[in-house]
Each structure stands twice: as structure tokens, then as C-alpha cells.
Amino acid sequence: MSDDRDLLRAILRQDFLSFVRKTFDTLSPGQHFIPGWYIEALVYQLDRVRNGEIRRLIVNMPPRSLKSITTSVAFPAFVLGHDPTQRIICASYSGELASKLSNDFRALLGSAWYRSIFPETRIGFKDSETEIELTHRGSRLATSVGGTLTGRGGNIVIIDDPLKPGDALSETRRRAVNEWFPNTVLSRLDDKRTGAIIIVMQRVHMDDLTGYVLDRSDDWTVLSLPAIAEVDGTYSLPRGKTYFRAQGEVLAPEREPLSELERLRTELGSDLFSAQYQQAPVPPGGAMIKRDWVRRYKELPIGKYIVQSWDTASKGGPDNDLSVCTTWLFHGIQFYLVDVWRGRVDYPALKAKVAELAHKHHSHQVLIEETGTAIGLLAELKSVRGLKGVKPEHDKKTRMSIASAQFEAGQVYFPERAPWLAELEAELFAFPGSRHDDQVDSISQAINHVRSSRLYGYIMWGRAAPIGPPLRPRFYWDPYAPQF
């Protein structure tokens, strides 16, 4: 039995992941610790900081993911357990939160198991709400973001949630946090050559502290953990392990399954969900395309001219980029987005999907950009009605800028609800700063091709529109009109 206790103490002393789990059990009695690879990924990066491998670390992850208990409580306790002379500064957006984390740290150091594995780490004479000093003169100092640190310094600075979500839209508050970082934090490191800074937060705005520092330096290691994976990715874990996360995989399915995340997306709205849960904030209201430009429909209008627009991956294969098809109903001078398909498939599956979607929506025209894989599709899918290759005439940003006129004019309609809507809007309203642009490319291709055609000058059912060159009168709708 004694040997088992000695082994457990040795594991807790040497293995930070085990230490985090024990910390959770101590500070959250009655709650069940749910292990996850993402906690291991966080532990791995924090260990790199402790070992001096990296000096600048940003961790972006959703709320309630154990980021604070791991980074602001367990990590300082583990560092000071191994070296009780270290001085650590921990800052949070409010004094109340800073004090709460400080109290958790104090409780951890006072636990019997911690005292048994780190007997040299003891709280000294200074033990206040904000500062805990050890007998070996190491310390953990708690402060609020923006608080004074005059005369104080440290080896490690941890900034945990510097801006609460409620302050995200306040330019004054964002500026205050961002100015506090270079004016106060950077000068508090005892040794600028070896001192480390850790920022751990959920994203709340494009110009939050993460956005601010990344715009000004490439020296940061970034661990970004969206609630739903947008792309495939491989993450480093302790003991030389790695974890492959597939596109669409949920971060913590036992705690927040996909159904719960989709409910949160609906409740929060796509902007807030994209920032706080996906770590991909978009400009309020939209960047190039404004949110209030988009019209909404409950039901599609009667009368159809269906156009599909494909943005295909440059190469076919499961490890390559995503391919996208947007399906549109063109009604007069109005564009109704009917459906979005998005996936990563190999060439045979992509070819089958083009034919399948064209048949499903009874499309009159299928537009495919003439690049890469699409050239083969155009040659092999001649049986698909209305198949047409489109040669891009401008860069992506210019093409969307041209299409933005239809959005601004209120001619573009999205459905009120659709399973693909939030993801599409997150990309569209962040463009050109979005991580992906495949859906944007498909949208601009559809709108620009239609608006440049002679068909755009006619409204359905034979009523002439005052746009475009004059055509011969037509008193019926001809879906195979050669002008288009």
C-alpha cells in the first residue's frame, strides 16, 4: 500500500496531466472529470512554456473547457511546486474573478496531497486576497486586467479571459485592454529574454487581445480549439502522442454534443457563436457584406430558374480543400439561396455529386469555375443540363466586391432557417478576413454570372425589367433561353 502511495505521489509530481485531474477533483468535489484530448493538448503547450521551449502562448477555446482551472490554478501550482522561487502574475478581466482563482490556488496549496508531493512549497507570511507569497519568496500575484502593476514583476504572466463577452462591442473597453498589454504587461517580465506570457481566452471580437497581439507579432504559438472543427487538424499531446481531429468533429461530445452546440448557435446567433465557440470572430454587422443587406424568405417564390455554382477543390482527394455548391433560384432580379453543399471528396465522388445535385434541384444551369479538377468535370459531365465553365476575370476579393451591389440593393435572399446557414454566414460576413472563402467564391460566381447575362434584364412571366440591353418581347417563361 505504501508503494502505491509513493507511486501516485511520483506521478502527480512529474505528470502535469495527472496533476490537473487531481486539481479538478480537489476544487470541484462531486463533479465528474471528463478527460479529453483537448485538455492534453493544452497541458502539452503549458509544459513547453514551463520547460522554456516557448515564451509566448495563446490558447483560444470555448467557455467551460477547464481552461482557467488548468492555466490559472493548476499550472502556477505545478510551476511553484518544482521551483518555489518563481514569481507568477495572473490577470483576469475582473477583480472578482482574479480573487476567485487566487482562492482556488490557495486551497490547492493547502491540500494534504499537494503538501505531500511538494513539501518545500509553503505559503509564507504574505497571504492576501491578491497575493500569495511562499517561504522561498516565490509568489502568485492576482490582478484585474488594466490594474496597476507598478513595482511588480514576474517570470511568467498569465492573462486569463482579459475581456468579458459583454464588453466585446465596447471599443473603449477593447482599446483599454489592448493598450494595457504593451504599456504594462510587457514591462513586468523580470527577464525579457526568458520570461513567458500566456494568453488564454475565448475569442469575443476580431480586435480582442488575441487579434491585437497576432496583428503585431508572429512570435506567438497559438492553440486554437473550436467547438466544431472547421478543417482537419493534428494536435501534439504529451509523451509524444498526437491527435487527428477530422473536420466537423465536436470538441467535447460527452459534455456538449453537436445537438447542444447547434442549439447554442441558434440562441447566441452566428456572430457570437463563431467568436466564443469557434474562435473565429466576424466583424459586427459584417465586413464587405453587411448582415442587414441580406433579405430573408420563408417560402420560395413560384416560378423557377435554378442556377448552381460550384467552387471545386484544386485537386480531388480526402486530404485536400473543400468543394462547395450553392443552389440559387433566380426570380426576376432577385437571388434566392436554396441550398448549400460543402464537402471534401475525391474526384469520382465529386463528379457523382455534381450530377446528383443537378438532378435533385432540376437545375437549368450548372456553373463550374474552370480551374484544376473542374476542367475534368466539364469534359466528363456533358450529359448534365446547362453545364458551363466560368473563367474568373478578377481575384476573389474583387469578384465579391462586384457581387456586393446585389446584396446592398436588397436583391439577395437567404432562408430564415437552414442547417448550413450559420456556417455560411460566418464565412460570408467575415470575408475577406475569414479563414475559408470557398462558399464566398461560389456565391460571387453565381451572382456575377447571372447579373452579366442578358437574362438579368427580364423579370419572370414576361415582364420586362429596366436593366440590360433590350430583348425581343417574350410572353412566357423559357427556361432554355439562349441568352443565359
Protein backbone atom coordinates (compact mmCIF):
# COMPACT_ATOMS: atom_id res chain seq x y z
CA MET A 1 0.00 0.00 0.00
CA SER A 2 2.85 2.35 0.86
CA ASP A 3 4.47 1.61 -2.51
CA ASP A 4 1.21 2.52 -4.28
CA ARG A 5 1.02 5.86 -2.46
CA ASP A 6 4.64 6.60 -3.31
CA LEU A 7 3.98 5.78 -6.97
CA LEU A 8 0.92 8.04 -7.04
CA ARG A 9 2.87 10.90 -5.48
CA ALA A 10 5.63 10.44 -8.03
CA ILE A 11 3.13 10.53 -10.90
CA LEU A 12 1.43 13.68 -9.58
CA ARG A 13 4.81 15.33 -9.09
CA GLN A 14 6.06 14.59 -12.60
CA ASP A 15 2.98 14.35 -14.84
CA PHE A 16 1.14 17.65 -15.28
CA LEU A 17 -1.91 15.99 -16.87
CA SER A 18 -2.43 13.79 -13.80
CA PHE A 19 -1.83 16.85 -11.63
CA VAL A 20 -4.62 18.74 -13.47
CA ARG A 21 -7.06 15.90 -12.91
CA LYS A 22 -6.24 15.75 -9.19
CA THR A 23 -6.62 19.53 -9.01
CA PHE A 24 -10.11 19.29 -10.51
CA ASP A 25 -11.14 16.59 -8.03
CA THR A 26 -9.90 18.78 -5.16
CA LEU A 27 -11.57 22.03 -6.24
CA SER A 28 -14.76 20.55 -7.71
CA PRO A 29 -15.87 17.78 -5.36
CA GLY A 30 -18.95 15.99 -6.52
CA GLN A 31 -18.34 16.84 -10.17
CA HIS A 32 -17.17 14.27 -12.68
CA PHE A 33 -13.93 14.94 -14.52
CA ILE A 34 -14.38 14.19 -18.21
CA PRO A 35 -10.99 13.58 -19.86
CA GLY A 36 -10.48 14.87 -23.36
CA TRP A 37 -7.69 15.11 -25.89
CA TYR A 38 -8.06 18.90 -25.90
CA ILE A 39 -7.04 19.03 -22.22
CA GLU A 40 -3.96 17.02 -23.15
CA ALA A 41 -3.22 19.47 -25.98
CA LEU A 42 -3.44 22.37 -23.53
CA VAL A 43 -1.25 20.56 -20.99
CA TYR A 44 1.35 19.87 -23.69
CA GLN A 45 1.67 23.55 -24.61
CA LEU A 46 1.82 24.69 -20.98
CA ASP A 47 4.57 22.14 -20.33
CA ARG A 48 6.50 23.68 -23.22
CA VAL A 49 6.26 27.05 -21.50
CA ARG A 50 7.42 25.58 -18.19
CA ASN A 51 10.38 23.89 -19.87
CA GLY A 52 11.41 27.07 -21.68
CA GLU A 53 10.68 25.78 -25.18
CA ILE A 54 8.30 28.65 -25.98
CA ARG A 55 7.86 32.07 -24.36
CA ARG A 56 4.64 33.30 -25.97
CA LEU A 57 1.50 31.14 -25.94
CA ILE A 58 -2.11 31.90 -26.93
CA VAL A 59 -4.86 29.41 -26.15
CA ASN A 60 -8.32 30.03 -27.64
CA MET A 61 -11.05 27.63 -26.58
CA PRO A 62 -14.79 27.67 -25.75
CA PRO A 63 -16.24 28.53 -22.34
CA ARG A 64 -16.37 25.86 -19.64
CA SER A 65 -13.48 23.85 -21.09
CA LEU A 66 -11.29 23.79 -17.93
CA LYS A 67 -9.01 26.47 -19.35
CA SER A 68 -8.97 28.60 -16.17
CA ILE A 69 -8.53 25.79 -13.66
CA THR A 70 -5.75 24.34 -15.82
CA THR A 71 -3.94 27.54 -16.73
CA SER A 72 -4.53 29.93 -13.82
CA VAL A 73 -4.67 27.48 -10.91
CA ALA A 74 -3.03 24.13 -11.65
CA PHE A 75 -0.20 25.49 -13.80
CA PRO A 76 1.08 28.09 -11.29
CA ALA A 77 0.84 25.49 -8.51
CA PHE A 78 2.79 22.95 -10.58
CA VAL A 79 5.46 25.51 -11.56
CA LEU A 80 5.89 26.70 -7.97
CA GLY A 81 5.91 23.13 -6.71
CA HIS A 82 9.02 22.44 -8.78
CA ASP A 83 10.56 25.87 -8.19
CA PRO A 84 9.14 27.84 -5.23
CA THR A 85 11.23 30.88 -6.16
CA GLN A 86 9.25 31.59 -9.35
CA ARG A 87 7.09 34.72 -9.45
CA ILE A 88 3.85 34.45 -11.40
CA ILE A 89 1.37 37.19 -12.26
CA CYS A 90 -2.21 36.15 -13.09
CA ALA A 91 -4.65 38.68 -14.58
CA SER A 92 -8.34 38.34 -15.40
CA TYR A 93 -10.99 40.77 -16.65
CA SER A 94 -12.34 41.48 -13.16
CA GLY A 95 -11.01 41.63 -9.64
CA GLU A 96 -13.74 39.25 -8.54
CA LEU A 97 -12.64 36.54 -10.97
CA ALA A 98 -8.98 37.15 -10.13
CA SER A 99 -9.74 36.70 -6.42
CA LYS A 100 -11.76 33.55 -7.04
CA LEU A 101 -8.89 31.92 -8.93
CA SER A 102 -6.46 33.08 -6.23
CA ASN A 103 -8.59 31.41 -3.56
CA ASP A 104 -8.65 28.19 -5.60
CA PHE A 105 -4.86 28.33 -5.82
CA ARG A 106 -4.61 28.81 -2.04
CA ALA A 107 -6.92 25.86 -1.40
CA LEU A 108 -4.84 23.69 -3.70
CA LEU A 109 -1.57 24.53 -1.94
CA GLY A 110 -3.18 23.78 1.40
CA SER A 111 -4.42 20.32 0.39
CA ALA A 112 -2.77 17.33 2.01
CA TRP A 113 -1.82 15.66 -1.25
CA TYR A 114 -0.15 18.81 -2.64
CA ARG A 115 1.84 19.29 0.56
CA SER A 116 2.99 15.67 0.35
CA ILE A 117 4.32 15.90 -3.20
CA PHE A 118 5.79 19.41 -2.92
CA PRO A 119 6.91 19.74 0.72
CA GLU A 120 9.13 22.76 0.01
CA THR A 121 6.28 24.86 -1.37
CA ARG A 122 4.59 26.56 1.56
CA ILE A 123 2.59 29.76 1.92
CA GLY A 124 4.65 32.35 3.82
CA PHE A 125 3.74 35.42 5.85
CA LYS A 126 2.11 37.24 2.94
CA ASP A 127 -1.27 35.71 2.22
CA SER A 128 -3.84 38.20 0.99
CA GLU A 129 -6.79 38.21 -1.41
CA THR A 130 -4.49 39.20 -4.28
CA GLU A 131 -1.02 37.97 -3.35
CA ILE A 132 0.26 34.68 -2.02
CA GLU A 133 3.97 34.64 -1.21
CA LEU A 134 5.85 31.44 -0.47
CA THR A 135 8.53 30.77 2.11
CA HIS A 136 11.11 30.64 -0.66
CA ARG A 137 9.95 34.10 -1.86
CA GLY A 138 8.17 32.84 -4.93
CA SER A 139 4.64 34.16 -5.39
CA ARG A 140 1.38 34.24 -7.27
CA LEU A 141 0.02 37.77 -7.72
CA ALA A 142 -3.60 38.22 -8.83
CA THR A 143 -4.79 41.38 -10.55
CA SER A 144 -7.50 42.59 -12.87
CA VAL A 145 -6.75 43.50 -16.47
CA GLY A 146 -5.97 47.19 -16.50
CA GLY A 147 -4.92 47.11 -12.87
CA THR A 148 -1.69 48.67 -11.72
CA LEU A 149 1.47 46.57 -11.53
CA THR A 150 3.88 49.35 -10.67
CA GLY A 151 6.93 47.95 -8.97
CA ARG A 152 5.83 44.36 -9.51
CA GLY A 153 7.36 41.80 -11.82
CA GLY A 154 7.38 38.11 -12.60
CA ASN A 155 8.86 35.26 -14.58
CA ILE A 156 5.51 34.22 -16.05
CA VAL A 157 2.47 36.38 -16.82
CA ILE A 158 -0.85 34.58 -17.33
CA ILE A 159 -3.75 36.56 -18.82
CA ASP A 160 -6.99 34.62 -18.44
CA ASP A 161 -10.08 35.97 -20.23
CA PRO A 162 -8.95 39.62 -20.43
CA LEU A 163 -12.26 40.81 -21.88
CA LYS A 164 -15.67 39.53 -20.88
CA PRO A 165 -18.17 38.91 -23.71
CA GLY A 166 -20.41 41.74 -22.51
CA ASP A 167 -17.62 44.27 -23.17
CA ALA A 168 -16.70 42.91 -26.59
CA LEU A 169 -18.63 45.56 -28.52
CA SER A 170 -17.21 48.43 -26.47
CA GLU A 171 -14.38 49.97 -28.46
CA THR A 172 -13.31 51.90 -25.37
CA ARG A 173 -13.00 48.74 -23.29
CA ARG A 174 -11.19 46.82 -26.04
CA ARG A 175 -8.75 49.65 -26.53
CA ALA A 176 -8.08 49.85 -22.79
CA VAL A 177 -7.22 46.13 -22.65
CA ASN A 178 -5.07 46.26 -25.77
CA GLU A 179 -3.16 49.34 -24.56
CA TRP A 180 -2.68 47.78 -21.12
CA PHE A 181 -0.81 44.86 -22.68
CA PRO A 182 2.17 46.73 -24.25
CA ASN A 183 2.21 49.58 -21.74
CA THR A 184 2.06 47.45 -18.60
CA VAL A 185 2.40 43.70 -19.14
CA LEU A 186 5.47 43.60 -21.38
CA SER A 187 7.48 45.68 -18.92
CA ARG A 188 6.62 43.41 -15.96
CA LEU A 189 8.79 40.47 -17.03
CA ASP A 190 11.84 40.19 -14.76
CA ASP A 191 13.96 38.89 -17.61
CA LYS A 192 12.76 39.84 -21.10
CA ARG A 193 14.91 37.09 -22.62
CA THR A 194 13.41 34.18 -20.69
CA GLY A 195 10.11 35.48 -19.28
CA ALA A 196 6.93 33.93 -20.64
CA ILE A 197 3.45 35.30 -21.37
CA ILE A 198 0.35 33.12 -21.69
CA ILE A 199 -2.97 34.42 -23.01
CA VAL A 200 -5.89 32.02 -22.55
CA MET A 201 -9.33 33.17 -23.66
CA GLN A 202 -12.43 32.61 -25.70
CA ARG A 203 -12.49 34.90 -28.72
CA VAL A 204 -15.03 37.70 -28.36
CA HIS A 205 -14.14 40.15 -31.16
CA MET A 206 -11.79 40.48 -34.11
CA ASP A 207 -9.95 43.24 -32.21
CA ASP A 208 -9.75 41.45 -28.84
CA LEU A 209 -6.36 40.85 -27.21
CA THR A 210 -5.66 37.75 -29.32
CA GLY A 211 -6.37 39.67 -32.52
CA TYR A 212 -4.33 42.64 -31.29
CA VAL A 213 -1.13 40.73 -30.49
CA LEU A 214 -1.28 38.49 -33.57
CA ASP A 215 -1.59 41.53 -35.81
CA ARG A 216 1.68 42.83 -34.38
CA SER A 217 3.87 39.77 -33.91
CA ASP A 218 4.50 36.33 -35.37
CA ASP A 219 6.29 35.11 -32.23
CA TRP A 220 3.22 33.51 -30.66
CA THR A 221 2.40 29.82 -30.53
CA VAL A 222 -1.37 29.52 -30.97
CA LEU A 223 -3.52 26.62 -29.80
CA SER A 224 -6.98 27.22 -31.25
CA LEU A 225 -9.69 24.73 -30.27
CA PRO A 226 -13.06 25.44 -31.93
CA ALA A 227 -16.09 23.61 -30.59
CA ILE A 228 -16.73 22.16 -34.06
CA ALA A 229 -13.69 21.51 -36.24
CA GLU A 230 -13.79 23.54 -39.46
CA VAL A 231 -10.83 21.71 -41.02
CA ASP A 232 -8.84 18.56 -40.41
CA GLY A 233 -6.02 19.08 -37.95
CA THR A 234 -3.34 17.23 -35.99
CA TYR A 235 -2.56 18.25 -32.40
CA SER A 236 0.50 17.46 -30.31
CA LEU A 237 -0.13 15.76 -26.96
CA PRO A 238 2.15 14.78 -24.05
CA ARG A 239 4.51 11.82 -24.25
CA GLY A 240 5.00 12.20 -27.99
CA LYS A 241 1.40 11.41 -28.89
CA THR A 242 -0.72 13.22 -31.48
CA TYR A 243 -4.42 13.50 -32.08
CA PHE A 244 -6.03 13.78 -35.52
CA ARG A 245 -9.24 15.78 -35.48
CA ALA A 246 -11.46 15.49 -38.54
CA GLN A 247 -13.46 18.35 -39.99
CA GLY A 248 -16.84 18.52 -38.28
CA GLU A 249 -15.69 16.73 -35.10
CA VAL A 250 -17.06 18.13 -31.85
CA LEU A 251 -14.53 19.16 -29.20
CA ALA A 252 -16.21 17.60 -26.17
CA PRO A 253 -19.08 15.34 -27.33
CA GLU A 254 -19.74 13.91 -23.85
CA ARG A 255 -20.26 17.37 -22.38
CA GLU A 256 -21.50 19.37 -25.38
CA PRO A 257 -22.74 17.16 -28.23
CA LEU A 258 -23.42 18.57 -31.66
CA SER A 259 -27.14 18.94 -30.94
CA GLU A 260 -26.38 21.13 -27.92
CA LEU A 261 -23.90 23.24 -29.89
CA GLU A 262 -26.46 23.79 -32.65
CA ARG A 263 -28.96 24.88 -30.00
CA LEU A 264 -26.39 27.32 -28.63
CA ARG A 265 -25.70 28.61 -32.14
CA THR A 266 -29.41 29.38 -32.52
CA GLU A 267 -29.67 31.03 -29.10
CA LEU A 268 -26.48 33.08 -29.34
CA GLY A 269 -26.65 33.92 -33.03
CA SER A 270 -23.98 33.06 -35.58
CA ASP A 271 -21.73 36.03 -34.72
CA LEU A 272 -21.39 35.24 -31.01
CA PHE A 273 -21.18 31.50 -31.59
CA SER A 274 -18.50 31.95 -34.24
CA ALA A 275 -16.40 34.02 -31.83
CA GLN A 276 -16.87 32.31 -28.46
CA TYR A 277 -17.24 28.71 -29.61
CA GLN A 278 -15.50 28.58 -32.96
CA GLN A 279 -12.69 31.04 -32.12
CA ALA A 280 -13.40 32.80 -35.43
CA PRO A 281 -14.90 36.24 -34.70
CA VAL A 282 -16.51 38.19 -37.51
CA PRO A 283 -16.93 41.98 -37.76
CA PRO A 284 -20.18 43.15 -36.13
CA GLY A 285 -22.69 43.53 -38.93
CA GLY A 286 -20.31 42.09 -41.49
CA ALA A 287 -17.14 43.24 -43.27
CA MET A 288 -17.55 43.53 -47.05
CA ILE A 289 -21.10 42.15 -46.96
CA LYS A 290 -23.24 43.71 -44.23
CA ARG A 291 -25.60 41.49 -42.31
CA ASP A 292 -28.56 43.83 -42.71
CA TRP A 293 -28.21 43.78 -46.52
CA VAL A 294 -29.39 40.16 -46.65
CA ARG A 295 -33.12 39.64 -47.04
CA ARG A 296 -34.90 36.58 -45.62
CA TYR A 297 -37.56 34.32 -47.05
CA LYS A 298 -39.92 31.80 -45.50
CA GLU A 299 -41.08 30.26 -48.78
CA LEU A 300 -39.57 30.31 -52.23
CA PRO A 301 -41.50 32.23 -54.90
CA ILE A 302 -43.44 30.40 -57.59
CA GLY A 303 -41.65 30.06 -60.91
CA LYS A 304 -38.15 28.71 -61.13
CA TYR A 305 -34.88 29.19 -62.88
CA ILE A 306 -32.35 27.19 -60.91
CA VAL A 307 -28.65 28.00 -61.11
CA GLN A 308 -25.95 26.02 -59.36
CA SER A 309 -22.48 27.40 -58.74
CA TRP A 310 -19.52 25.16 -57.98
CA ASP A 311 -16.22 26.07 -56.35
CA THR A 312 -14.24 22.84 -56.56
CA ALA A 313 -11.04 21.92 -54.76
CA SER A 314 -7.93 22.34 -56.88
CA LYS A 315 -7.24 18.62 -56.50
CA GLY A 316 -9.52 15.71 -55.76
CA GLY A 317 -8.81 13.76 -52.59
CA PRO A 318 -9.85 13.42 -48.95
CA ASP A 319 -6.86 15.44 -47.74
CA ASN A 320 -7.46 18.44 -49.99
CA ASP A 321 -9.61 21.56 -49.84
CA LEU A 322 -13.38 21.65 -49.59
CA SER A 323 -15.64 21.78 -52.63
CA VAL A 324 -18.83 23.82 -52.49
CA CYS A 325 -22.06 24.01 -54.47
CA THR A 326 -24.59 26.77 -53.86
CA THR A 327 -28.01 26.37 -55.45
CA TRP A 328 -29.96 29.51 -56.39
CA LEU A 329 -33.44 30.30 -57.58
CA PHE A 330 -33.31 33.28 -59.93
CA HIS A 331 -36.63 35.17 -59.86
CA GLY A 332 -36.61 38.37 -61.87
CA ILE A 333 -33.72 40.40 -60.48
CA GLN A 334 -33.78 38.61 -57.16
CA PHE A 335 -31.49 35.81 -55.99
CA TYR A 336 -32.79 33.18 -53.55
CA LEU A 337 -30.23 30.87 -51.94
CA VAL A 338 -31.89 27.45 -51.89
CA ASP A 339 -29.21 25.05 -50.70
CA VAL A 340 -25.51 24.71 -49.86
CA TRP A 341 -23.48 21.53 -50.17
CA ARG A 342 -19.92 21.51 -48.84
CA GLY A 343 -17.57 18.57 -48.56
CA ARG A 344 -14.13 17.10 -49.03
CA VAL A 345 -14.32 14.26 -51.52
CA ASP A 346 -12.16 12.57 -54.12
CA TYR A 347 -12.65 13.13 -57.84
CA PRO A 348 -15.08 10.25 -58.60
CA ALA A 349 -17.28 11.23 -55.66
CA LEU A 350 -17.17 14.88 -56.69
CA LYS A 351 -18.23 14.01 -60.24
CA ALA A 352 -21.13 11.97 -58.89
CA LYS A 353 -22.15 14.77 -56.53
CA VAL A 354 -22.31 17.34 -59.37
CA ALA A 355 -24.67 15.09 -61.33
CA GLU A 356 -26.68 14.19 -58.21
CA LEU A 357 -27.30 17.80 -57.13
CA ALA A 358 -28.13 18.92 -60.65
CA HIS A 359 -30.79 16.20 -60.85
CA LYS A 360 -32.06 16.82 -57.30
CA HIS A 361 -32.74 20.53 -57.87
CA HIS A 362 -33.68 20.26 -61.58
CA SER A 363 -31.07 22.88 -62.34
CA HIS A 364 -31.20 24.82 -65.59
CA GLN A 365 -27.57 25.92 -65.39
CA VAL A 366 -24.55 24.46 -63.58
CA LEU A 367 -21.58 26.82 -63.31
CA ILE A 368 -18.12 25.41 -62.63
CA GLU A 369 -15.02 27.56 -62.36
CA GLU A 370 -12.51 26.40 -64.98
CA THR A 371 -9.58 25.59 -62.68
CA GLY A 372 -7.89 22.39 -61.51
CA THR A 373 -10.25 19.47 -61.04
CA ALA A 374 -13.13 21.34 -62.69
CA ILE A 375 -11.57 21.05 -66.14
CA GLY A 376 -12.00 17.26 -65.99
CA LEU A 377 -15.55 17.63 -64.70
CA LEU A 378 -16.52 19.85 -67.61
CA ALA A 379 -15.15 17.28 -70.05
CA GLU A 380 -16.80 14.26 -68.44
CA LEU A 381 -20.20 15.63 -67.40
CA LYS A 382 -21.55 16.77 -70.73
CA SER A 383 -24.82 14.96 -70.02
CA VAL A 384 -25.58 17.40 -67.18
CA ARG A 385 -28.02 20.01 -68.46
CA GLY A 386 -26.72 23.57 -68.64
CA LEU A 387 -23.14 22.71 -67.63
CA LYS A 388 -20.96 25.75 -68.20
CA GLY A 389 -17.35 26.57 -67.44
CA VAL A 390 -16.67 30.00 -65.96
CA LYS A 391 -13.29 31.69 -66.26
CA PRO A 392 -12.62 34.04 -63.32
CA GLU A 393 -11.73 37.52 -64.51
CA HIS A 394 -10.65 39.01 -61.18
CA ASP A 395 -9.26 37.99 -57.81
CA LYS A 396 -11.59 36.68 -55.09
CA LYS A 397 -11.96 40.00 -53.29
CA THR A 398 -12.79 41.91 -56.46
CA ARG A 399 -15.35 39.31 -57.54
CA MET A 400 -17.14 39.58 -54.20
CA SER A 401 -16.94 43.37 -54.32
CA ILE A 402 -18.79 43.32 -57.64
CA ALA A 403 -21.43 40.94 -56.26
CA SER A 404 -21.88 43.12 -53.16
CA ALA A 405 -24.01 45.54 -55.21
CA GLN A 406 -26.79 42.96 -55.35
CA PHE A 407 -26.59 42.42 -51.59
CA GLU A 408 -26.70 46.15 -50.90
CA ALA A 409 -29.65 46.58 -53.26
CA GLY A 410 -31.64 44.01 -51.27
CA GLN A 411 -31.79 41.53 -54.13
CA VAL A 412 -30.22 38.56 -52.30
CA TYR A 413 -32.42 36.36 -50.10
CA PHE A 414 -31.31 33.70 -47.61
CA PRO A 415 -33.71 31.31 -45.85
CA GLU A 416 -34.77 32.14 -42.32
CA ARG A 417 -33.51 28.75 -41.17
CA ALA A 418 -31.24 26.09 -42.68
CA PRO A 419 -28.70 23.67 -41.16
CA TRP A 420 -25.88 25.16 -43.24
CA LEU A 421 -26.84 28.82 -42.76
CA ALA A 422 -24.79 29.78 -39.68
CA GLU A 423 -21.54 28.38 -41.07
CA LEU A 424 -22.07 30.10 -44.41
CA GLU A 425 -22.88 33.45 -42.80
CA ALA A 426 -19.86 33.27 -40.52
CA GLU A 427 -17.64 32.94 -43.59
CA LEU A 428 -19.52 35.50 -45.70
CA PHE A 429 -19.74 38.28 -43.12
CA ALA A 430 -16.07 37.89 -42.14
CA PHE A 431 -14.80 37.94 -45.74
CA PRO A 432 -12.10 38.87 -46.73
CA GLY A 433 -10.80 38.09 -43.25
CA SER A 434 -12.49 34.68 -42.97
CA ARG A 435 -10.46 31.51 -42.60
CA HIS A 436 -12.19 29.94 -45.61
CA ASP A 437 -13.60 31.51 -48.76
CA ASP A 438 -14.91 28.57 -50.82
CA GLN A 439 -18.57 29.39 -50.10
CA VAL A 440 -17.92 33.06 -50.85
CA ASP A 441 -16.38 32.14 -54.21
CA SER A 442 -19.40 30.05 -55.12
CA ILE A 443 -21.77 32.89 -54.19
CA SER A 444 -19.93 35.60 -56.12
CA GLN A 445 -19.63 33.35 -59.18
CA ALA A 446 -23.40 32.70 -59.26
CA ILE A 447 -24.43 36.33 -58.77
CA ASN A 448 -21.87 37.83 -61.13
CA HIS A 449 -22.61 35.35 -63.91
CA VAL A 450 -26.36 35.90 -63.71
CA ARG A 451 -26.15 39.68 -63.48
CA SER A 452 -23.84 39.85 -66.50
CA SER A 453 -26.19 37.79 -68.65
CA ARG A 454 -29.00 39.20 -70.80
CA LEU A 455 -31.47 37.18 -68.75
CA TYR A 456 -30.95 39.64 -65.92
CA GLY A 457 -32.84 42.24 -67.94
CA TYR A 458 -36.10 40.30 -67.80
CA ILE A 459 -38.44 39.52 -64.95
CA MET A 460 -40.26 36.20 -64.86
CA TRP A 461 -43.55 35.76 -66.66
CA GLY A 462 -42.54 38.04 -69.48
CA ARG A 463 -42.44 41.42 -67.69
CA ALA A 464 -39.52 43.49 -68.90
CA ALA A 465 -37.13 44.96 -66.34
CA PRO A 466 -35.36 48.28 -66.96
CA ILE A 467 -31.95 46.60 -66.74
CA GLY A 468 -29.73 45.30 -69.51
CA PRO A 469 -29.99 45.53 -73.30
CA PRO A 470 -33.42 45.22 -74.92
CA LEU A 471 -34.53 41.77 -75.98
CA ARG A 472 -37.44 40.67 -78.17
CA PRO A 473 -40.68 40.57 -76.13
CA ARG A 474 -41.46 37.23 -74.54
CA PHE A 475 -44.84 36.40 -73.02
CA TYR A 476 -43.87 33.09 -71.47
CA TRP A 477 -41.02 31.80 -69.37
CA ASP A 478 -38.46 29.90 -71.40
CA PRO A 479 -36.02 28.13 -69.08
CA TYR A 480 -33.80 27.25 -72.03
CA ALA A 481 -33.46 30.83 -73.28
CA PRO A 482 -30.21 31.04 -75.28
CA GLN A 483 -29.39 34.47 -73.83
CA PHE A 484 -28.39 32.92 -70.50
